[in-house]
């Protein structure tokens, strides 16, 4: 059976949806994506504290508690993509659960909540979540009701409101490329005055030429 001594933050069910138990502790993950309880994050395989030089040695050496997951470190820096020189030891309980783990251990502050030490959203639960997090770097944040897609017409120019945006509160869906964030769609485009004026002048010249030709024919 499950270790009910590790049941934290109101999780009253033993049955686990495997897709929501990324840390493998037998308890449904309560941490929001991007948040976690940290024992170790980004440590190198340099045998510090006798933890070994491989992930298998870290796991076998007991350097990561059994209700945490030892994994290759998931780092935001794209230069570290696929890098397996570091490791994390994390748990996906919620913040209250992380505090409770410290209480059970008897050492306040030994485990830390990721948002408090790394900033919100910087502890991806999976490689796929890391890819999404990297994707939204540099994107602006826009409320869903203010986000407009499509294109400006031939007689219109894009205003400065077009860029890559992520939807506020829905950052997990990634960056929405080349969209407009404005209170109304009318603020996304402005009339291309130069083009319209040029066409108007061209039309006027054409009409005058036609009139002149008609007069000449007469």
N, C-alpha and C. Protein backbone atom coordinates (compact mmCIF):
# COMPACT_ATOMS: atom_id res chain seq x y z
N UNK A 1 0.82 -1.20 0.00
CA UNK A 1 0.00 0.00 0.00
C UNK A 1 0.84 1.24 0.00
N UNK A 2 0.18 2.39 -0.06
CA UNK A 2 0.90 3.65 -0.07
C UNK A 2 1.31 4.03 1.35
N UNK A 3 2.35 4.83 1.46
CA UNK A 3 2.79 5.34 2.74
C UNK A 3 1.93 6.54 3.11
N UNK A 4 0.95 6.34 3.97
CA UNK A 4 0.04 7.43 4.31
C UNK A 4 0.72 8.49 5.16
N UNK A 5 1.92 8.17 5.70
CA UNK A 5 2.67 9.18 6.42
C UNK A 5 3.14 10.29 5.51
N UNK A 6 3.12 10.05 4.19
CA UNK A 6 3.54 11.07 3.25
C UNK A 6 2.36 11.79 2.63
N UNK A 7 1.13 11.46 3.11
CA UNK A 7 -0.04 12.09 2.51
C UNK A 7 -0.10 13.54 2.97
N UNK A 8 -0.13 14.45 2.00
CA UNK A 8 0.02 15.85 2.33
C UNK A 8 -1.07 16.70 1.71
N UNK A 9 -1.39 17.81 2.39
CA UNK A 9 -2.23 18.87 1.83
C UNK A 9 -3.57 18.40 1.33
N UNK A 10 -4.26 17.58 2.11
CA UNK A 10 -5.64 17.27 1.80
C UNK A 10 -5.85 16.22 0.74
N UNK A 11 -4.82 15.47 0.35
CA UNK A 11 -4.99 14.40 -0.63
C UNK A 11 -5.53 13.19 0.09
N UNK A 12 -6.81 12.87 -0.11
CA UNK A 12 -7.46 11.82 0.66
C UNK A 12 -7.66 10.54 -0.13
N UNK A 13 -7.09 10.45 -1.30
CA UNK A 13 -7.30 9.28 -2.13
C UNK A 13 -6.00 8.52 -2.31
N UNK A 14 -6.08 7.18 -2.23
CA UNK A 14 -4.91 6.35 -2.51
C UNK A 14 -4.75 6.15 -4.00
N UNK A 15 -5.87 6.06 -4.71
CA UNK A 15 -5.81 5.80 -6.15
C UNK A 15 -5.11 6.96 -6.84
N UNK A 16 -4.19 6.63 -7.75
CA UNK A 16 -3.38 7.65 -8.39
C UNK A 16 -3.55 7.60 -9.90
N UNK A 17 -3.81 8.73 -10.50
CA UNK A 17 -3.76 8.87 -11.94
C UNK A 17 -2.29 9.02 -12.30
N UNK A 18 -1.73 8.03 -12.98
CA UNK A 18 -0.29 8.02 -13.24
C UNK A 18 0.18 9.26 -13.97
N UNK A 19 -0.70 9.86 -14.76
CA UNK A 19 -0.30 11.05 -15.51
C UNK A 19 -0.15 12.26 -14.58
N UNK A 20 -0.63 12.14 -13.34
CA UNK A 20 -0.52 13.24 -12.39
C UNK A 20 0.36 12.88 -11.21
N UNK A 21 1.24 11.92 -11.42
CA UNK A 21 2.18 11.52 -10.38
C UNK A 21 3.58 11.48 -10.97
N UNK A 22 4.05 12.64 -11.43
CA UNK A 22 5.33 12.70 -12.11
C UNK A 22 6.52 12.40 -11.20
N UNK A 23 6.34 12.63 -9.89
CA UNK A 23 7.46 12.35 -8.99
C UNK A 23 7.45 10.91 -8.48
N UNK A 24 6.41 10.15 -8.81
CA UNK A 24 6.38 8.73 -8.49
C UNK A 24 6.28 8.40 -7.02
N UNK A 25 5.73 9.32 -6.22
CA UNK A 25 5.64 9.04 -4.78
C UNK A 25 4.33 8.35 -4.41
N UNK A 26 3.50 8.03 -5.41
CA UNK A 26 2.25 7.34 -5.12
C UNK A 26 1.13 8.27 -4.71
N UNK A 27 1.35 9.56 -4.80
CA UNK A 27 0.36 10.56 -4.42
C UNK A 27 0.16 11.52 -5.59
N UNK A 28 -1.08 11.85 -5.89
CA UNK A 28 -1.37 12.76 -6.99
C UNK A 28 -0.64 14.08 -6.79
N UNK A 29 0.03 14.54 -7.84
CA UNK A 29 0.74 15.82 -7.78
C UNK A 29 -0.23 16.96 -7.51
N UNK A 30 0.08 17.77 -6.50
CA UNK A 30 -0.76 18.92 -6.17
C UNK A 30 -0.12 20.24 -6.60
N UNK A 31 1.17 20.23 -6.87
CA UNK A 31 1.85 21.44 -7.30
C UNK A 31 1.40 21.83 -8.70
N UNK A 32 1.18 23.12 -8.90
CA UNK A 32 0.88 23.60 -10.25
C UNK A 32 2.10 23.40 -11.13
N UNK A 33 1.87 23.23 -12.43
CA UNK A 33 3.00 23.10 -13.35
C UNK A 33 3.96 24.28 -13.17
N UNK A 34 5.24 23.96 -13.08
CA UNK A 34 6.25 24.99 -12.90
C UNK A 34 6.63 25.24 -11.46
N UNK A 35 5.93 24.58 -10.52
CA UNK A 35 6.23 24.74 -9.10
C UNK A 35 6.59 23.38 -8.50
N UNK A 36 7.46 23.37 -7.49
CA UNK A 36 7.82 22.11 -6.84
C UNK A 36 8.47 22.39 -5.49
N UNK A 37 8.61 21.33 -4.73
CA UNK A 37 9.34 21.35 -3.47
C UNK A 37 10.75 20.86 -3.77
N UNK A 38 11.75 21.66 -3.43
CA UNK A 38 13.12 21.38 -3.86
C UNK A 38 13.98 20.87 -2.70
N UNK A 39 14.60 19.73 -2.94
CA UNK A 39 15.66 19.26 -2.06
C UNK A 39 17.01 19.65 -2.66
N UNK A 40 17.17 19.36 -3.95
CA UNK A 40 18.38 19.72 -4.70
C UNK A 40 17.95 20.16 -6.10
N UNK A 41 18.58 21.20 -6.64
CA UNK A 41 18.27 21.60 -8.02
C UNK A 41 19.55 22.02 -8.73
N UNK A 42 19.84 21.34 -9.85
CA UNK A 42 20.98 21.72 -10.68
C UNK A 42 22.33 21.33 -10.11
N UNK A 43 22.38 20.34 -9.22
CA UNK A 43 23.66 19.90 -8.67
C UNK A 43 24.43 19.10 -9.71
N UNK A 44 25.73 19.27 -9.76
CA UNK A 44 26.57 18.55 -10.71
C UNK A 44 26.90 17.15 -10.20
N UNK A 45 27.17 16.25 -11.16
CA UNK A 45 27.58 14.89 -10.80
C UNK A 45 29.07 14.90 -10.45
N UNK A 46 29.41 15.52 -9.33
CA UNK A 46 30.82 15.64 -8.94
C UNK A 46 31.12 14.92 -7.64
N UNK A 47 30.20 14.03 -7.25
CA UNK A 47 30.36 13.22 -6.04
C UNK A 47 30.39 14.07 -4.77
N UNK A 48 29.82 15.29 -4.84
CA UNK A 48 29.73 16.10 -3.64
C UNK A 48 28.85 15.40 -2.62
N UNK A 49 29.29 15.39 -1.38
CA UNK A 49 28.60 14.71 -0.28
C UNK A 49 28.48 13.20 -0.54
N UNK A 50 29.34 12.68 -1.41
CA UNK A 50 29.32 11.25 -1.68
C UNK A 50 28.11 10.79 -2.46
N UNK A 51 27.51 11.71 -3.24
CA UNK A 51 26.29 11.37 -3.98
C UNK A 51 26.56 10.69 -5.31
N UNK A 52 27.82 10.60 -5.71
CA UNK A 52 28.14 9.86 -6.92
C UNK A 52 28.31 10.75 -8.14
N UNK A 53 28.61 10.10 -9.25
CA UNK A 53 28.87 10.81 -10.50
C UNK A 53 27.88 10.44 -11.60
N UNK A 54 26.85 9.68 -11.27
CA UNK A 54 25.79 9.33 -12.22
C UNK A 54 24.44 9.43 -11.52
N UNK A 55 23.38 9.48 -12.31
CA UNK A 55 22.04 9.54 -11.72
C UNK A 55 21.74 8.27 -10.95
N UNK A 56 22.18 7.14 -11.47
CA UNK A 56 21.95 5.86 -10.78
C UNK A 56 22.62 5.86 -9.41
N UNK A 57 23.81 6.43 -9.32
CA UNK A 57 24.51 6.48 -8.03
C UNK A 57 23.81 7.43 -7.06
N UNK A 58 23.27 8.53 -7.59
CA UNK A 58 22.50 9.45 -6.74
C UNK A 58 21.30 8.73 -6.15
N UNK A 59 20.59 7.97 -7.00
CA UNK A 59 19.41 7.24 -6.55
C UNK A 59 19.78 6.15 -5.56
N UNK A 60 20.84 5.43 -5.86
CA UNK A 60 21.24 4.31 -4.99
C UNK A 60 21.84 4.80 -3.69
N UNK A 61 22.44 5.98 -3.71
CA UNK A 61 23.13 6.48 -2.53
C UNK A 61 22.24 7.15 -1.52
N UNK A 62 20.96 7.25 -1.81
CA UNK A 62 20.03 7.85 -0.86
C UNK A 62 20.15 9.36 -0.75
N UNK A 63 20.72 10.00 -1.77
CA UNK A 63 20.88 11.46 -1.73
C UNK A 63 19.58 12.19 -2.05
N UNK A 64 18.60 11.46 -2.53
CA UNK A 64 17.28 12.03 -2.81
C UNK A 64 16.26 11.20 -2.05
N UNK A 65 15.48 11.80 -1.14
CA UNK A 65 14.51 11.04 -0.34
C UNK A 65 13.55 10.25 -1.21
N UNK A 66 13.02 9.16 -0.68
CA UNK A 66 12.19 8.26 -1.48
C UNK A 66 10.89 8.90 -1.96
N UNK A 67 10.42 9.94 -1.28
CA UNK A 67 9.19 10.60 -1.73
C UNK A 67 9.48 11.81 -2.61
N UNK A 68 10.72 11.91 -3.10
CA UNK A 68 11.11 12.89 -4.11
C UNK A 68 11.56 12.12 -5.35
N UNK A 69 11.72 12.81 -6.46
CA UNK A 69 12.22 12.18 -7.67
C UNK A 69 13.60 12.74 -7.99
N UNK A 70 14.56 11.84 -8.26
CA UNK A 70 15.88 12.24 -8.75
C UNK A 70 15.82 12.17 -10.27
N UNK A 71 16.22 13.24 -10.93
CA UNK A 71 16.13 13.30 -12.40
C UNK A 71 17.30 14.12 -12.93
N UNK A 72 17.56 13.99 -14.24
CA UNK A 72 18.51 14.90 -14.87
C UNK A 72 17.92 16.30 -14.79
N UNK A 73 18.76 17.27 -14.48
CA UNK A 73 18.27 18.62 -14.21
C UNK A 73 17.59 19.24 -15.43
N UNK A 74 16.43 19.84 -15.20
CA UNK A 74 15.69 20.54 -16.25
C UNK A 74 15.97 22.03 -16.11
N UNK A 75 16.86 22.53 -16.97
CA UNK A 75 17.32 23.91 -16.90
C UNK A 75 16.73 24.73 -18.03
N UNK A 76 16.36 25.97 -17.74
CA UNK A 76 15.72 26.83 -18.73
C UNK A 76 16.66 27.22 -19.86
N UNK A 77 17.94 27.37 -19.58
CA UNK A 77 18.91 27.81 -20.58
C UNK A 77 18.93 26.84 -21.76
N UNK A 78 18.57 27.29 -22.99
CA UNK A 78 18.57 26.38 -24.14
C UNK A 78 19.92 25.75 -24.41
N UNK A 79 21.00 26.41 -23.97
CA UNK A 79 22.34 25.86 -24.18
C UNK A 79 22.54 24.57 -23.41
N UNK A 80 21.69 24.34 -22.40
CA UNK A 80 21.80 23.14 -21.58
C UNK A 80 20.83 22.05 -22.01
N UNK A 81 20.16 22.24 -23.16
CA UNK A 81 19.21 21.24 -23.64
C UNK A 81 19.91 19.91 -23.85
N UNK A 82 19.38 18.87 -23.26
CA UNK A 82 19.98 17.55 -23.39
C UNK A 82 21.18 17.34 -22.47
N UNK A 83 21.54 18.38 -21.70
CA UNK A 83 22.67 18.28 -20.79
C UNK A 83 22.34 17.31 -19.66
N UNK A 84 23.24 16.38 -19.40
CA UNK A 84 23.01 15.40 -18.35
C UNK A 84 24.15 15.42 -17.34
N UNK A 85 24.68 16.61 -17.10
CA UNK A 85 25.77 16.74 -16.14
C UNK A 85 25.27 17.19 -14.77
N UNK A 86 23.97 17.44 -14.65
CA UNK A 86 23.42 17.88 -13.38
C UNK A 86 22.16 17.12 -13.02
N UNK A 87 21.74 17.23 -11.76
CA UNK A 87 20.55 16.50 -11.32
C UNK A 87 19.71 17.34 -10.37
N UNK A 88 18.43 17.02 -10.34
CA UNK A 88 17.48 17.64 -9.42
C UNK A 88 16.91 16.56 -8.50
N UNK A 89 16.49 16.99 -7.34
CA UNK A 89 15.72 16.13 -6.44
C UNK A 89 14.52 16.96 -6.00
N UNK A 90 13.34 16.64 -6.53
CA UNK A 90 12.16 17.48 -6.33
C UNK A 90 10.93 16.63 -6.01
N UNK A 91 9.95 17.29 -5.42
CA UNK A 91 8.65 16.66 -5.15
C UNK A 91 7.56 17.62 -5.61
N UNK A 92 6.46 17.05 -6.12
CA UNK A 92 5.39 17.88 -6.67
C UNK A 92 4.20 17.99 -5.73
N UNK A 93 4.47 18.03 -4.43
CA UNK A 93 3.43 18.42 -3.47
C UNK A 93 3.22 19.93 -3.62
N UNK A 94 2.18 20.47 -2.98
CA UNK A 94 1.99 21.91 -3.03
C UNK A 94 2.83 22.58 -1.94
N UNK A 95 2.72 23.90 -1.82
CA UNK A 95 3.59 24.63 -0.89
C UNK A 95 3.36 24.20 0.55
N UNK A 96 2.09 23.99 0.93
CA UNK A 96 1.81 23.53 2.28
C UNK A 96 2.42 22.16 2.51
N UNK A 97 2.37 21.32 1.48
CA UNK A 97 2.97 19.99 1.58
C UNK A 97 4.47 20.06 1.76
N UNK A 98 5.10 21.03 1.11
CA UNK A 98 6.55 21.21 1.25
C UNK A 98 6.89 21.62 2.69
N UNK A 99 6.07 22.52 3.24
CA UNK A 99 6.26 22.93 4.63
C UNK A 99 6.08 21.74 5.57
N UNK A 100 5.09 20.89 5.25
CA UNK A 100 4.84 19.72 6.09
C UNK A 100 6.00 18.74 6.04
N UNK A 101 6.64 18.63 4.89
CA UNK A 101 7.81 17.76 4.78
C UNK A 101 8.92 18.24 5.72
N UNK A 102 9.10 19.56 5.80
CA UNK A 102 10.09 20.11 6.73
C UNK A 102 9.72 19.81 8.18
N UNK A 103 8.42 19.90 8.47
CA UNK A 103 7.96 19.61 9.82
C UNK A 103 8.24 18.15 10.17
N UNK A 104 7.95 17.26 9.23
CA UNK A 104 8.21 15.84 9.46
C UNK A 104 9.70 15.56 9.64
N UNK A 105 10.52 16.30 8.89
CA UNK A 105 11.97 16.13 8.97
C UNK A 105 12.53 16.74 10.24
N UNK A 106 11.84 17.76 10.74
CA UNK A 106 12.30 18.44 11.95
C UNK A 106 13.36 19.49 11.68
N UNK A 107 13.50 19.89 10.40
CA UNK A 107 14.48 20.92 10.04
C UNK A 107 13.78 21.98 9.19
N UNK A 108 13.26 23.03 9.80
CA UNK A 108 12.55 24.07 9.04
C UNK A 108 13.43 24.66 7.93
N UNK A 109 12.86 24.78 6.74
CA UNK A 109 13.58 25.39 5.64
C UNK A 109 14.55 24.49 4.91
N UNK A 110 14.63 23.22 5.30
CA UNK A 110 15.56 22.31 4.62
C UNK A 110 15.12 22.10 3.17
N UNK A 111 13.82 21.82 2.99
CA UNK A 111 13.25 21.76 1.64
C UNK A 111 12.67 23.14 1.33
N UNK A 112 12.83 23.59 0.11
CA UNK A 112 12.40 24.94 -0.25
C UNK A 112 11.38 24.92 -1.38
N UNK A 113 10.45 25.86 -1.34
CA UNK A 113 9.45 25.99 -2.39
C UNK A 113 10.09 26.71 -3.57
N UNK A 114 9.98 26.13 -4.76
CA UNK A 114 10.72 26.62 -5.92
C UNK A 114 10.46 28.09 -6.23
N UNK A 115 9.20 28.52 -6.14
CA UNK A 115 8.87 29.92 -6.48
C UNK A 115 9.56 30.90 -5.54
N UNK A 116 9.86 30.46 -4.32
CA UNK A 116 10.50 31.34 -3.34
C UNK A 116 11.98 31.52 -3.62
N UNK A 117 12.61 30.54 -4.25
CA UNK A 117 14.06 30.60 -4.45
C UNK A 117 14.46 30.78 -5.91
N UNK A 118 13.60 30.36 -6.85
CA UNK A 118 13.95 30.45 -8.27
C UNK A 118 13.02 31.37 -9.05
N UNK A 119 11.89 31.71 -8.45
CA UNK A 119 10.89 32.50 -9.15
C UNK A 119 9.75 31.61 -9.64
N UNK A 120 8.55 32.17 -9.80
CA UNK A 120 7.38 31.39 -10.22
C UNK A 120 7.59 30.73 -11.59
N UNK A 121 7.21 29.47 -11.67
CA UNK A 121 7.19 28.78 -12.96
C UNK A 121 8.50 28.17 -13.40
N UNK A 122 9.53 28.18 -12.55
CA UNK A 122 10.84 27.74 -13.00
C UNK A 122 11.23 26.34 -12.56
N UNK A 123 10.23 25.55 -12.19
CA UNK A 123 10.50 24.14 -11.89
C UNK A 123 9.57 23.29 -12.76
N UNK A 124 9.88 23.12 -14.04
CA UNK A 124 9.03 22.31 -14.92
C UNK A 124 8.96 20.87 -14.43
N UNK A 125 7.77 20.27 -14.57
CA UNK A 125 7.60 18.90 -14.10
C UNK A 125 8.12 17.88 -15.10
N UNK A 126 8.11 18.23 -16.38
CA UNK A 126 8.50 17.28 -17.42
C UNK A 126 9.33 18.00 -18.49
N UNK A 127 9.96 17.22 -19.36
CA UNK A 127 10.71 17.80 -20.48
C UNK A 127 9.78 18.59 -21.38
N UNK A 128 8.56 18.08 -21.60
CA UNK A 128 7.58 18.79 -22.44
C UNK A 128 7.24 20.14 -21.84
N UNK A 129 7.08 20.19 -20.51
CA UNK A 129 6.78 21.46 -19.85
C UNK A 129 7.96 22.42 -19.96
N UNK A 130 9.17 21.88 -19.92
CA UNK A 130 10.36 22.72 -20.09
C UNK A 130 10.39 23.34 -21.48
N UNK A 131 10.04 22.54 -22.49
CA UNK A 131 10.01 23.06 -23.87
C UNK A 131 9.02 24.21 -23.99
N UNK A 132 7.85 24.06 -23.34
CA UNK A 132 6.84 25.12 -23.37
C UNK A 132 7.36 26.37 -22.66
N UNK A 133 8.02 26.18 -21.53
CA UNK A 133 8.56 27.31 -20.77
C UNK A 133 9.59 28.07 -21.59
N UNK A 134 10.44 27.34 -22.29
CA UNK A 134 11.43 27.99 -23.16
C UNK A 134 10.74 28.76 -24.28
N UNK A 135 9.64 28.19 -24.77
CA UNK A 135 8.93 28.78 -25.91
C UNK A 135 8.33 30.14 -25.57
N UNK A 136 7.92 30.33 -24.31
CA UNK A 136 7.25 31.59 -23.96
C UNK A 136 8.22 32.66 -23.48
N UNK A 137 9.52 32.32 -23.37
CA UNK A 137 10.48 33.34 -22.98
C UNK A 137 10.51 34.44 -24.03
N UNK A 138 10.43 35.68 -23.62
CA UNK A 138 10.44 36.80 -24.56
C UNK A 138 9.06 37.16 -25.07
N UNK A 139 8.05 36.36 -24.73
CA UNK A 139 6.68 36.68 -25.15
C UNK A 139 6.06 37.65 -24.15
N UNK A 140 5.21 38.53 -24.67
CA UNK A 140 4.42 39.35 -23.78
C UNK A 140 3.26 38.55 -23.21
N UNK A 141 2.59 39.10 -22.22
CA UNK A 141 1.42 38.44 -21.63
C UNK A 141 0.18 39.27 -21.92
N UNK A 142 -0.86 38.63 -22.43
CA UNK A 142 -2.07 39.34 -22.85
C UNK A 142 -3.30 38.60 -22.34
N UNK A 143 -4.29 39.35 -21.87
CA UNK A 143 -5.55 38.73 -21.46
C UNK A 143 -6.23 38.11 -22.68
N UNK A 144 -6.90 36.99 -22.48
CA UNK A 144 -7.50 36.25 -23.60
C UNK A 144 -8.47 37.12 -24.39
N UNK A 145 -9.25 37.96 -23.70
CA UNK A 145 -10.26 38.77 -24.40
C UNK A 145 -9.63 39.89 -25.23
N UNK A 146 -8.34 40.17 -25.00
CA UNK A 146 -7.67 41.24 -25.75
C UNK A 146 -6.79 40.71 -26.87
N UNK A 147 -6.78 39.40 -27.07
CA UNK A 147 -5.89 38.80 -28.06
C UNK A 147 -6.61 38.63 -29.39
N UNK A 148 -6.02 39.14 -30.46
CA UNK A 148 -6.62 39.08 -31.79
C UNK A 148 -5.61 38.52 -32.78
N UNK A 149 -6.07 37.63 -33.66
CA UNK A 149 -5.18 37.12 -34.70
C UNK A 149 -5.69 37.58 -36.06
N UNK A 150 -5.18 36.98 -37.11
CA UNK A 150 -5.58 37.41 -38.45
C UNK A 150 -4.54 38.35 -39.03
N UNK A 151 -4.95 39.14 -40.01
CA UNK A 151 -4.02 40.05 -40.68
C UNK A 151 -4.74 41.35 -41.01
N UNK A 152 -3.95 42.41 -41.14
CA UNK A 152 -4.51 43.67 -41.60
C UNK A 152 -4.70 43.60 -43.12
N UNK A 153 -5.72 44.26 -43.63
CA UNK A 153 -5.99 44.24 -45.07
C UNK A 153 -4.94 44.99 -45.87
N UNK A 154 -5.08 44.94 -47.18
CA UNK A 154 -4.08 45.52 -48.08
C UNK A 154 -3.94 47.03 -47.90
N UNK A 155 -5.01 47.70 -47.48
CA UNK A 155 -4.95 49.15 -47.30
C UNK A 155 -4.62 49.55 -45.85
N UNK A 156 -4.19 48.57 -45.06
CA UNK A 156 -3.96 48.82 -43.63
C UNK A 156 -2.56 48.41 -43.23
N UNK A 157 -2.06 49.02 -42.15
CA UNK A 157 -0.75 48.68 -41.58
C UNK A 157 -0.94 48.17 -40.15
N UNK A 158 -0.07 47.26 -39.72
CA UNK A 158 -0.11 46.79 -38.34
C UNK A 158 0.36 47.89 -37.40
N UNK A 159 -0.32 48.04 -36.28
CA UNK A 159 0.13 48.97 -35.24
C UNK A 159 1.22 48.28 -34.42
N UNK A 160 1.72 48.97 -33.42
CA UNK A 160 2.79 48.40 -32.60
C UNK A 160 2.32 47.36 -31.60
N UNK A 161 1.09 46.90 -31.73
CA UNK A 161 0.55 45.93 -30.77
C UNK A 161 0.74 44.48 -31.21
N UNK A 162 1.37 44.29 -32.35
CA UNK A 162 1.58 42.93 -32.85
C UNK A 162 2.93 42.40 -32.39
N UNK A 163 2.93 41.20 -31.81
CA UNK A 163 4.16 40.51 -31.44
C UNK A 163 3.76 39.08 -31.04
N UNK A 164 4.65 38.39 -30.36
CA UNK A 164 4.33 37.06 -29.85
C UNK A 164 3.81 37.21 -28.43
N UNK A 165 2.62 36.65 -28.18
CA UNK A 165 1.98 36.81 -26.87
C UNK A 165 1.65 35.44 -26.28
N UNK A 166 1.71 35.35 -24.96
CA UNK A 166 1.17 34.20 -24.26
C UNK A 166 -0.06 34.66 -23.49
N UNK A 167 -1.07 33.80 -23.39
CA UNK A 167 -2.34 34.18 -22.78
C UNK A 167 -2.23 34.16 -21.25
N UNK A 168 -2.61 35.24 -20.62
CA UNK A 168 -2.55 35.36 -19.17
C UNK A 168 -3.33 34.22 -18.51
N UNK A 169 -2.67 33.49 -17.62
CA UNK A 169 -3.30 32.39 -16.92
C UNK A 169 -3.32 31.09 -17.70
N UNK A 170 -2.85 31.13 -18.94
CA UNK A 170 -2.82 29.93 -19.79
C UNK A 170 -1.43 29.79 -20.42
N UNK A 171 -0.40 30.15 -19.66
CA UNK A 171 0.96 30.15 -20.19
C UNK A 171 1.40 28.78 -20.69
N UNK A 172 0.75 27.72 -20.16
CA UNK A 172 1.17 26.37 -20.54
C UNK A 172 0.90 26.06 -22.00
N UNK A 173 0.04 26.83 -22.67
CA UNK A 173 -0.24 26.55 -24.09
C UNK A 173 0.83 27.15 -24.99
N UNK A 174 1.76 27.91 -24.40
CA UNK A 174 2.87 28.43 -25.18
C UNK A 174 2.60 29.80 -25.77
N UNK A 175 3.48 30.19 -26.66
CA UNK A 175 3.46 31.52 -27.24
C UNK A 175 2.61 31.55 -28.50
N UNK A 176 1.74 32.53 -28.60
CA UNK A 176 0.91 32.71 -29.79
C UNK A 176 1.65 33.66 -30.73
N UNK A 177 2.11 33.13 -31.85
CA UNK A 177 2.97 33.90 -32.74
C UNK A 177 2.21 34.96 -33.52
N UNK A 178 2.83 36.14 -33.65
CA UNK A 178 2.35 37.22 -34.50
C UNK A 178 0.86 37.51 -34.29
N UNK A 179 0.51 37.87 -33.08
CA UNK A 179 -0.87 38.21 -32.74
C UNK A 179 -0.91 39.62 -32.16
N UNK A 180 -2.11 40.17 -32.05
CA UNK A 180 -2.28 41.55 -31.59
C UNK A 180 -2.94 41.55 -30.21
N UNK A 181 -2.40 42.34 -29.30
CA UNK A 181 -3.00 42.50 -27.97
C UNK A 181 -3.54 43.93 -27.88
N UNK A 182 -4.85 44.06 -27.89
CA UNK A 182 -5.49 45.38 -27.85
C UNK A 182 -6.90 45.24 -27.32
N UNK A 183 -7.45 46.33 -26.79
CA UNK A 183 -8.79 46.28 -26.22
C UNK A 183 -9.85 46.03 -27.28
N UNK A 184 -9.54 46.35 -28.54
CA UNK A 184 -10.45 46.05 -29.64
C UNK A 184 -9.63 45.79 -30.89
N UNK A 185 -10.20 45.03 -31.82
CA UNK A 185 -9.47 44.69 -33.04
C UNK A 185 -9.17 45.93 -33.88
N UNK A 186 -9.97 46.98 -33.73
CA UNK A 186 -9.75 48.20 -34.51
C UNK A 186 -8.44 48.89 -34.15
N UNK A 187 -7.91 48.58 -32.95
CA UNK A 187 -6.65 49.18 -32.53
C UNK A 187 -5.44 48.42 -33.07
N UNK A 188 -5.69 47.33 -33.78
CA UNK A 188 -4.60 46.50 -34.28
C UNK A 188 -4.06 46.99 -35.62
N UNK A 189 -4.88 47.71 -36.37
CA UNK A 189 -4.50 48.14 -37.72
C UNK A 189 -4.79 49.62 -37.90
N UNK A 190 -3.99 50.26 -38.72
CA UNK A 190 -4.24 51.67 -39.06
C UNK A 190 -4.19 51.83 -40.57
N UNK A 191 -4.91 52.80 -41.06
CA UNK A 191 -5.01 53.02 -42.50
C UNK A 191 -3.64 53.38 -43.09
N UNK A 192 -3.29 52.73 -44.18
CA UNK A 192 -2.04 53.04 -44.88
C UNK A 192 -2.28 54.28 -45.73
N UNK A 193 -2.11 55.44 -45.12
CA UNK A 193 -2.44 56.71 -45.78
C UNK A 193 -1.63 56.91 -47.05
N UNK A 194 -0.35 56.56 -47.00
CA UNK A 194 0.51 56.75 -48.17
C UNK A 194 0.02 55.94 -49.36
N UNK A 195 -0.35 54.67 -49.08
CA UNK A 195 -0.83 53.82 -50.17
C UNK A 195 -2.14 54.35 -50.74
N UNK A 196 -3.05 54.72 -49.84
CA UNK A 196 -4.35 55.23 -50.29
C UNK A 196 -4.17 56.51 -51.09
N UNK A 197 -3.29 57.41 -50.60
CA UNK A 197 -3.05 58.67 -51.31
C UNK A 197 -2.43 58.40 -52.67
N UNK A 198 -1.50 57.46 -52.72
CA UNK A 198 -0.86 57.12 -53.98
C UNK A 198 -1.84 56.56 -54.99
N UNK A 199 -2.71 55.69 -54.51
CA UNK A 199 -3.73 55.13 -55.40
C UNK A 199 -4.70 56.20 -55.87
N UNK A 200 -5.05 57.11 -54.96
CA UNK A 200 -5.97 58.20 -55.32
C UNK A 200 -5.36 59.09 -56.40
N UNK A 201 -4.07 59.41 -56.22
CA UNK A 201 -3.38 60.24 -57.22
C UNK A 201 -3.29 59.51 -58.55
N UNK A 202 -3.00 58.21 -58.47
CA UNK A 202 -2.92 57.42 -59.69
C UNK A 202 -4.25 57.38 -60.41
N UNK A 203 -5.31 57.23 -59.64
CA UNK A 203 -6.65 57.20 -60.24
C UNK A 203 -6.99 58.54 -60.88
N UNK A 204 -6.59 59.63 -60.21
CA UNK A 204 -6.86 60.97 -60.74
C UNK A 204 -6.11 61.19 -62.06
N UNK A 205 -4.85 60.76 -62.09
CA UNK A 205 -4.06 60.89 -63.32
C UNK A 205 -4.69 60.09 -64.44
N UNK A 206 -5.14 58.88 -64.10
CA UNK A 206 -5.77 58.02 -65.11
C UNK A 206 -7.02 58.69 -65.69
N UNK A 207 -7.82 59.27 -64.80
CA UNK A 207 -9.06 59.95 -65.25
C UNK A 207 -8.73 61.14 -66.14
N UNK A 208 -7.73 61.92 -65.74
CA UNK A 208 -7.34 63.09 -66.53
C UNK A 208 -6.82 62.68 -67.90
N UNK A 209 -6.06 61.57 -67.94
CA UNK A 209 -5.57 61.07 -69.22
C UNK A 209 -6.72 60.64 -70.12
N UNK A 210 -7.69 59.98 -69.51
CA UNK A 210 -8.87 59.54 -70.28
C UNK A 210 -9.62 60.75 -70.84
N UNK A 211 -9.77 61.79 -70.02
CA UNK A 211 -10.45 63.01 -70.46
C UNK A 211 -9.69 63.65 -71.61
N UNK A 212 -8.35 63.70 -71.45
CA UNK A 212 -7.52 64.31 -72.49
C UNK A 212 -7.61 63.54 -73.79
N UNK A 213 -7.59 62.23 -73.70
CA UNK A 213 -7.68 61.40 -74.91
C UNK A 213 -9.04 61.57 -75.59
N UNK A 214 -10.06 61.65 -74.77
CA UNK A 214 -11.41 61.84 -75.32
C UNK A 214 -11.49 63.18 -76.06
N UNK A 215 -10.91 64.23 -75.43
CA UNK A 215 -10.93 65.55 -76.06
C UNK A 215 -10.12 65.54 -77.35
N UNK A 216 -8.97 64.83 -77.33
CA UNK A 216 -8.13 64.75 -78.52
C UNK A 216 -8.86 64.05 -79.65
N UNK A 217 -9.61 63.00 -79.27
CA UNK A 217 -10.36 62.25 -80.29
C UNK A 217 -11.44 63.12 -80.91
N UNK A 218 -11.96 64.04 -80.10
CA UNK A 218 -12.98 64.93 -80.62
C UNK A 218 -12.36 65.92 -81.59
